[in-house]
PDB file of N, CA and C in Angstrom:
ATOM      1  N   MET A   1     180.982 113.929  19.967  1.00  0.00           N
ATOM      2  CA  MET A   1     182.261 113.839  20.426  1.00  0.00           C
ATOM      3  C   MET A   1     182.967 112.722  21.450  1.00  0.00           C
ATOM      4  N   VAL A   2     181.634 112.080  22.180  1.00  0.00           N
ATOM      5  CA  VAL A   2     181.939 110.592  22.755  1.00  0.00           C
ATOM      6  C   VAL A   2     181.881 109.719  21.990  1.00  0.00           C
ATOM      7  N   PHE A   3     181.155 109.729  20.645  1.00  0.00           N
ATOM      8  CA  PHE A   3     181.259 108.650  19.866  1.00  0.00           C
ATOM      9  C   PHE A   3     182.275 108.373  19.290  1.00  0.00           C
ATOM     10  N   GLU A   4     183.049 109.564  18.555  1.00  0.00           N
ATOM     11  CA  GLU A   4     183.818 109.865  17.877  1.00  0.00           C
ATOM     12  C   GLU A   4     185.346 109.295  18.715  1.00  0.00           C
ATOM     13  N   ASN A   5     185.197 109.102  20.115  1.00  0.00           N
ATOM     14  CA  ASN A   5     186.510 109.335  21.272  1.00  0.00           C
ATOM     15  C   ASN A   5     186.095 107.268  21.290  1.00  0.00           C
ATOM     16  N   VAL A   6     184.722 107.047  21.546  1.00  0.00           N
ATOM     17  CA  VAL A   6     184.726 105.554  22.171  1.00  0.00           C
ATOM     18  C   VAL A   6     184.884 104.619  20.831  1.00  0.00           C
ATOM     19  N   LYS A   7     184.600 105.517  19.343  1.00  0.00           N
ATOM     20  CA  LYS A   7     184.971 104.510  18.028  1.00  0.00           C
ATOM     21  C   LYS A   7     186.535 104.334  17.855  1.00  0.00           C
ATOM     22  N   LYS A   8     187.702 105.352  18.470  1.00  0.00           N
ATOM     23  CA  LYS A   8     188.701 105.299  18.565  1.00  0.00           C
ATOM     24  C   LYS A   8     189.149 104.680  19.366  1.00  0.00           C
ATOM     25  N   MET A   9     188.529 104.188  20.416  1.00  0.00           N
ATOM     26  CA  MET A   9     189.419 103.344  21.413  1.00  0.00           C
ATOM     27  C   MET A   9     188.713 101.918  20.981  1.00  0.00           C
ATOM     28  N   ILE A  10     187.951 101.901  20.594  1.00  0.00           N
ATOM     29  CA  ILE A  10     187.167 100.398  20.355  1.00  0.00           C
ATOM     30  C   ILE A  10     188.035  99.880  18.883  1.00  0.00           C
ATOM     31  N   ALA A  11     188.176 100.809  17.957  1.00  0.00           N
ATOM     32  CA  ALA A  11     189.257 100.171  17.062  1.00  0.00           C
ATOM     33  C   ALA A  11     190.329  99.573  17.171  1.00  0.00           C
ATOM     34  N   LYS A  12     191.200 100.803  18.253  1.00  0.00           N
ATOM     35  CA  LYS A  12     192.639 100.487  18.745  1.00  0.00           C
ATOM     36  C   LYS A  12     192.595  99.081  19.453  1.00  0.00           C
ATOM     37  N   GLN A  13     191.518  98.809  20.431  1.00  0.00           N
ATOM     38  CA  GLN A  13     191.588  98.093  21.124  1.00  0.00           C
ATOM     39  C   GLN A  13     191.164  96.650  20.577  1.00  0.00           C
ATOM     40  N   LEU A  14     190.437  96.403  19.206  1.00  0.00           N
ATOM     41  CA  LEU A  14     190.101  95.647  18.487  1.00  0.00           C
ATOM     42  C   LEU A  14     190.730  95.031  16.924  1.00  0.00           C
ATOM     43  N   LYS A  15     191.448  96.415  17.128  1.00  0.00           N
ATOM     44  CA  LYS A  15     192.295  96.176  16.028  1.00  0.00           C
ATOM     45  C   LYS A  15     191.531  96.198  14.598  1.00  0.00           C
ATOM     46  N   ALA A  16     190.229  96.597  14.448  1.00  0.00           N
ATOM     47  CA  ALA A  16     189.399  97.222  13.846  1.00  0.00           C
ATOM     48  C   ALA A  16     189.572  98.465  12.994  1.00  0.00           C
ATOM     49  N   ASP A  17     189.073  98.136  11.688  1.00  0.00           N
ATOM     50  CA  ASP A  17     188.911  99.402  10.700  1.00  0.00           C
ATOM     51  C   ASP A  17     187.997 100.834  11.567  1.00  0.00           C
ATOM     52  N   GLU A  18     188.714 101.423  11.708  1.00  0.00           N
ATOM     53  CA  GLU A  18     187.731 103.017  12.549  1.00  0.00           C
ATOM     54  C   GLU A  18     186.825 103.343  11.334  1.00  0.00           C
ATOM     55  N   ALA A  19     187.029 103.275  10.380  1.00  0.00           N
ATOM     56  CA  ALA A  19     186.014 103.620   9.363  1.00  0.00           C
ATOM     57  C   ALA A  19     184.674 103.135   9.203  1.00  0.00           C
ATOM     58  N   SER A  20     184.957 101.895   9.700  1.00  0.00           N
ATOM     59  CA  SER A  20     184.016 100.981   9.479  1.00  0.00           C
ATOM     60  C   SER A  20     183.207 100.884  10.549  1.00  0.00           C
ATOM     61  N   ILE A  21     183.436 101.351  11.996  1.00  0.00           N
ATOM     62  CA  ILE A  21     182.660 101.258  12.975  1.00  0.00           C
ATOM     63  C   ILE A  21     181.607 102.575  12.926  1.00  0.00           C
ATOM     64  N   THR A  22     180.567 101.655  12.934  1.00  0.00           N
ATOM     65  CA  THR A  22     178.793 103.325  13.402  1.00  0.00           C
ATOM     66  C   THR A  22     178.444 102.830  14.842  1.00  0.00           C
ATOM     67  N   ALA A  23     177.772 103.760  15.075  1.00  0.00           N
ATOM     68  CA  ALA A  23     176.840 103.554  15.996  1.00  0.00           C
ATOM     69  C   ALA A  23     175.880 102.170  16.087  1.00  0.00           C
ATOM     70  N   ASP A  24     175.675 101.482  14.950  1.00  0.00           N
ATOM     71  CA  ASP A  24     174.860 100.465  14.948  1.00  0.00           C
ATOM     72  C   ASP A  24     175.829  98.864  14.810  1.00  0.00           C
ATOM     73  N   THR A  25     177.484  99.153  14.893  1.00  0.00           N
ATOM     74  CA  THR A  25     177.979  98.169  14.857  1.00  0.00           C
ATOM     75  C   THR A  25     178.011  97.432  16.241  1.00  0.00           C
ATOM     76  N   ARG A  26     177.980  96.121  16.110  1.00  0.00           N
ATOM     77  CA  ARG A  26     177.809  95.224  17.290  1.00  0.00           C
ATOM     78  C   ARG A  26     179.020  94.744  17.558  1.00  0.00           C
ATOM     79  N   LEU A  27     178.975  94.932  18.756  1.00  0.00           N
ATOM     80  CA  LEU A  27     180.869  94.679  19.527  1.00  0.00           C
ATOM     81  C   LEU A  27     181.087  93.108  19.177  1.00  0.00           C
ATOM     82  N   VAL A  28     180.187  92.059  19.396  1.00  0.00           N
ATOM     83  CA  VAL A  28     180.616  90.850  19.232  1.00  0.00           C
ATOM     84  C   VAL A  28     180.202  90.238  18.206  1.00  0.00           C
ATOM     85  N   GLU A  29     179.085  90.642  17.647  1.00  0.00           N
ATOM     86  CA  GLU A  29     178.835  90.016  16.320  1.00  0.00           C
ATOM     87  C   GLU A  29     179.810  90.910  14.903  1.00  0.00           C
ATOM     88  N   ASP A  30     179.754  92.010  15.193  1.00  0.00           N
ATOM     89  CA  ASP A  30     180.338  92.484  14.071  1.00  0.00           C
ATOM     90  C   ASP A  30     182.145  92.766  14.007  1.00  0.00           C
ATOM     91  N   LEU A  31     182.398  93.076  15.651  1.00  0.00           N
ATOM     92  CA  LEU A  31     183.775  93.310  15.884  1.00  0.00           C
ATOM     93  C   LEU A  31     184.505  92.370  16.821  1.00  0.00           C
ATOM     94  N   LYS A  32     183.765  90.922  16.550  1.00  0.00           N
ATOM     95  CA  LYS A  32     184.593  89.781  17.219  1.00  0.00           C
ATOM     96  C   LYS A  32     185.507  90.189  18.859  1.00  0.00           C
ATOM     97  N   ALA A  33     184.078  91.102  19.377  1.00  0.00           N
ATOM     98  CA  ALA A  33     184.675  91.328  20.710  1.00  0.00           C
ATOM     99  C   ALA A  33     184.558  89.980  21.667  1.00  0.00           C
ATOM    100  N   ASP A  34     185.238  89.471  22.580  1.00  0.00           N
ATOM    101  CA  ASP A  34     185.015  88.604  23.449  1.00  0.00           C
ATOM    102  C   ASP A  34     184.839  89.043  24.834  1.00  0.00           C
ATOM    103  N   SER A  35     184.571  87.987  25.832  1.00  0.00           N
ATOM    104  CA  SER A  35     184.505  88.885  27.064  1.00  0.00           C
ATOM    105  C   SER A  35     185.743  89.489  27.974  1.00  0.00           C
ATOM    106  N   ALA A  36     186.963  88.950  27.388  1.00  0.00           N
ATOM    107  CA  ALA A  36     188.360  89.383  27.573  1.00  0.00           C
ATOM    108  C   ALA A  36     188.253  91.362  27.006  1.00  0.00           C
ATOM    109  N   ASN A  37     187.736  90.828  25.667  1.00  0.00           N
ATOM    110  CA  ASN A  37     187.719  92.217  25.180  1.00  0.00           C
ATOM    111  C   ASN A  37     186.707  93.438  25.621  1.00  0.00           C
ATOM    112  N   VAL A  38     185.720  92.694  26.213  1.00  0.00           N
ATOM    113  CA  VAL A  38     184.727  93.611  26.716  1.00  0.00           C
ATOM    114  C   VAL A  38     184.922  94.184  28.058  1.00  0.00           C
ATOM    115  N   MET A  39     185.564  93.354  28.972  1.00  0.00           N
ATOM    116  CA  MET A  39     185.865  93.814  30.189  1.00  0.00           C
ATOM    117  C   MET A  39     186.971  94.842  29.917  1.00  0.00           C
ATOM    118  N   VAL A  40     188.352  94.743  29.715  1.00  0.00           N
ATOM    119  CA  VAL A  40     188.933  96.026  29.058  1.00  0.00           C
ATOM    120  C   VAL A  40     188.559  97.031  28.577  1.00  0.00           C
ATOM    121  N   MET A  41     187.710  97.161  27.724  1.00  0.00           N
ATOM    122  CA  MET A  41     187.163  98.426  27.523  1.00  0.00           C
ATOM    123  C   MET A  41     186.347  98.856  28.413  1.00  0.00           C
ATOM    124  N   ILE A  42     185.386  98.293  28.756  1.00  0.00           N
ATOM    125  CA  ILE A  42     184.585  98.926  30.008  1.00  0.00           C
ATOM    126  C   ILE A  42     185.645  99.417  31.175  1.00  0.00           C
ATOM    127  N   MET A  43     186.765  98.766  31.238  1.00  0.00           N
ATOM    128  CA  MET A  43     187.561  99.369  32.123  1.00  0.00           C
ATOM    129  C   MET A  43     188.438 100.663  32.218  1.00  0.00           C
ATOM    130  N   ASP A  44     188.733 100.913  30.518  1.00  0.00           N
ATOM    131  CA  ASP A  44     189.126 102.165  29.873  1.00  0.00           C
ATOM    132  C   ASP A  44     187.920 103.061  30.019  1.00  0.00           C
ATOM    133  N   LEU A  45     186.878 102.430  29.323  1.00  0.00           N
ATOM    134  CA  LEU A  45     185.399 103.624  29.091  1.00  0.00           C
ATOM    135  C   LEU A  45     185.649 104.447  31.021  1.00  0.00           C
ATOM    136  N   GLU A  46     185.806 103.450  31.751  1.00  0.00           N
ATOM    137  CA  GLU A  46     185.217 103.758  33.443  1.00  0.00           C
ATOM    138  C   GLU A  46     186.506 104.563  33.651  1.00  0.00           C
ATOM    139  N   ASP A  47     187.358 104.598  33.127  1.00  0.00           N
ATOM    140  CA  ASP A  47     188.782 105.180  33.336  1.00  0.00           C
ATOM    141  C   ASP A  47     188.631 106.954  32.990  1.00  0.00           C
ATOM    142  N   ASN A  48     188.622 106.815  31.516  1.00  0.00           N
ATOM    143  CA  ASN A  48     188.330 108.038  30.856  1.00  0.00           C
ATOM    144  C   ASN A  48     187.344 109.194  30.852  1.00  0.00           C
ATOM    145  N   TYR A  49     186.146 108.484  31.138  1.00  0.00           N
ATOM    146  CA  TYR A  49     184.817 109.022  31.636  1.00  0.00           C
ATOM    147  C   TYR A  49     184.584 109.291  32.780  1.00  0.00           C
ATOM    148  N   GLY A  50     185.193 108.751  33.608  1.00  0.00           N
ATOM    149  CA  GLY A  50     185.476 108.964  35.407  1.00  0.00           C
ATOM    150  C   GLY A  50     183.584 108.224  35.630  1.00  0.00           C
ATOM    151  N   ILE A  51     183.400 107.346  35.263  1.00  0.00           N
ATOM    152  CA  ILE A  51     181.975 106.471  35.548  1.00  0.00           C
ATOM    153  C   ILE A  51     182.204 104.909  35.688  1.00  0.00           C
ATOM    154  N   VAL A  52     181.210 104.488  36.364  1.00  0.00           N
ATOM    155  CA  VAL A  52     181.339 103.237  36.871  1.00  0.00           C
ATOM    156  C   VAL A  52     179.744 102.251  36.384  1.00  0.00           C
ATOM    157  N   ILE A  53     180.501 101.463  35.221  1.00  0.00           N
ATOM    158  CA  ILE A  53     179.207 100.999  34.376  1.00  0.00           C
ATOM    159  C   ILE A  53     179.093  99.780  35.448  1.00  0.00           C
ATOM    160  N   GLU A  54     177.996  99.653  35.621  1.00  0.00           N
ATOM    161  CA  GLU A  54     177.532  98.198  36.474  1.00  0.00           C
ATOM    162  C   GLU A  54     177.347  97.269  36.040  1.00  0.00           C
ATOM    163  N   ASP A  55     177.720  95.979  36.668  1.00  0.00           N
ATOM    164  CA  ASP A  55     177.956  94.716  36.052  1.00  0.00           C
ATOM    165  C   ASP A  55     176.860  93.991  35.260  1.00  0.00           C
ATOM    166  N   ASP A  56     175.357  94.478  36.179  1.00  0.00           N
ATOM    167  CA  ASP A  56     174.369  94.294  35.323  1.00  0.00           C
ATOM    168  C   ASP A  56     174.248  95.053  33.767  1.00  0.00           C
ATOM    169  N   GLN A  57     174.726  95.830  33.537  1.00  0.00           N
ATOM    170  CA  GLN A  57     174.106  96.797  32.475  1.00  0.00           C
ATOM    171  C   GLN A  57     175.132  96.372  31.740  1.00  0.00           C
ATOM    172  N   ILE A  58     176.241  95.488  31.847  1.00  0.00           N
ATOM    173  CA  ILE A  58     177.085  95.241  30.674  1.00  0.00           C
ATOM    174  C   ILE A  58     176.891  94.517  29.671  1.00  0.00           C
ATOM    175  N   MET A  59     175.514  93.706  29.809  1.00  0.00           N
ATOM    176  CA  MET A  59     175.335  92.974  28.751  1.00  0.00           C
ATOM    177  C   MET A  59     174.033  93.506  27.975  1.00  0.00           C
ATOM    178  N   ASN A  60     173.189  95.024  28.737  1.00  0.00           N
ATOM    179  CA  ASN A  60     172.861  95.610  27.393  1.00  0.00           C
ATOM    180  C   ASN A  60     173.891  96.670  26.456  1.00  0.00           C
ATOM    181  N   LEU A  61     175.111  96.591  26.675  1.00  0.00           N
ATOM    182  CA  LEU A  61     176.037  97.351  25.509  1.00  0.00           C
ATOM    183  C   LEU A  61     176.049  96.680  24.585  1.00  0.00           C
ATOM    184  N   LYS A  62     175.733  96.063  23.620  1.00  0.00           N
ATOM    185  CA  LYS A  62     175.516  95.350  22.453  1.00  0.00           C
ATOM    186  C   LYS A  62     176.180  96.196  21.403  1.00  0.00           C
ATOM    187  N   THR A  63     175.544  97.096  21.289  1.00  0.00           N
ATOM    188  CA  THR A  63     176.068  98.322  19.635  1.00  0.00           C
ATOM    189  C   THR A  63     177.151  99.145  20.673  1.00  0.00           C
ATOM    190  N   VAL A  64     177.979  99.883  19.274  1.00  0.00           N
ATOM    191  CA  VAL A  64     178.814 101.068  19.703  1.00  0.00           C
ATOM    192  C   VAL A  64     177.758 102.447  20.020  1.00  0.00           C
ATOM    193  N   GLY A  65     176.466 102.238  19.762  1.00  0.00           N
ATOM    194  CA  GLY A  65     175.650 102.997  20.181  1.00  0.00           C
ATOM    195  C   GLY A  65     174.993 103.099  21.474  1.00  0.00           C
ATOM    196  N   ASP A  66     174.940 101.577  21.634  1.00  0.00           N
ATOM    197  CA  ASP A  66     174.213 101.321  23.398  1.00  0.00           C
ATOM    198  C   ASP A  66     175.656 101.967  24.299  1.00  0.00           C
ATOM    199  N   VAL A  67     176.675 101.618  24.039  1.00  0.00           N
ATOM    200  CA  VAL A  67     177.912 102.304  25.021  1.00  0.00           C
ATOM    201  C   VAL A  67     177.757 103.863  24.832  1.00  0.00           C
ATOM    202  N   VAL A  68     177.670 104.341  23.695  1.00  0.00           N
ATOM    203  CA  VAL A  68     177.635 105.614  23.590  1.00  0.00           C
ATOM    204  C   VAL A  68     176.958 106.448  24.694  1.00  0.00           C
ATOM    205  N   LYS A  69     175.415 105.725  24.613  1.00  0.00           N
ATOM    206  CA  LYS A  69     174.361 106.590  25.101  1.00  0.00           C
ATOM    207  C   LYS A  69     174.512 105.869  26.394  1.00  0.00           C
ATOM    208  N   TYR A  70     174.907 105.113  27.173  1.00  0.00           N
ATOM    209  CA  TYR A  70     175.157 104.737  28.289  1.00  0.00           C
ATOM    210  C   TYR A  70     176.281 105.879  28.914  1.00  0.00           C
ATOM    211  N   ILE A  71     177.287 106.502  28.418  1.00  0.00           N
ATOM    212  CA  ILE A  71     178.352 107.158  28.468  1.00  0.00           C
ATOM    213  C   ILE A  71     177.656 108.655  28.856  1.00  0.00           C
ATOM    214  N   GLU A  72     176.243 108.764  27.768  1.00  0.00           N
ATOM    215  CA  GLU A  72     176.275 110.380  27.887  1.00  0.00           C
ATOM    216  C   GLU A  72     175.332 110.372  29.206  1.00  0.00           C
ATOM    217  N   ALA A  73     174.641 109.309  29.434  1.00  0.00           N
ATOM    218  CA  ALA A  73     173.840 109.398  30.363  1.00  0.00           C
ATOM    219  C   ALA A  73     173.928 109.647  31.652  1.00  0.00           C
ATOM    220  N   HIS A  74     175.345 108.753  32.023  1.00  0.00           N
ATOM    221  CA  HIS A  74     175.899 108.947  33.192  1.00  0.00           C
ATOM    222  C   HIS A  74     177.093 109.684  33.616  1.00  0.00           C
ATOM    223  N   GLN A  75     177.170 110.316  32.649  1.00  0.00           N
ATOM    224  CA  GLN A  75     178.452 111.542  33.297  1.00  0.00           C
ATOM    225  C   GLN A  75     177.854 112.557  33.938  1.00  0.00           C
TER     226      GLN A  75
END
């Protein structure tokens, strides 16, 4: 369920084809997210899931799967 929600949110924000997003999809290399995109995504995820993503952890979130795992571990 988390994966589906994250996928929808990322697809909408980055104007990407939701069907093409998998757990292995890389945010920067595959979806062309820039630092502003990433910061907006982080804020949206924090609001939607009631979590805080520490600044030093953001660089570890390279794929959609990394984001999902982080959310699941911190909910």
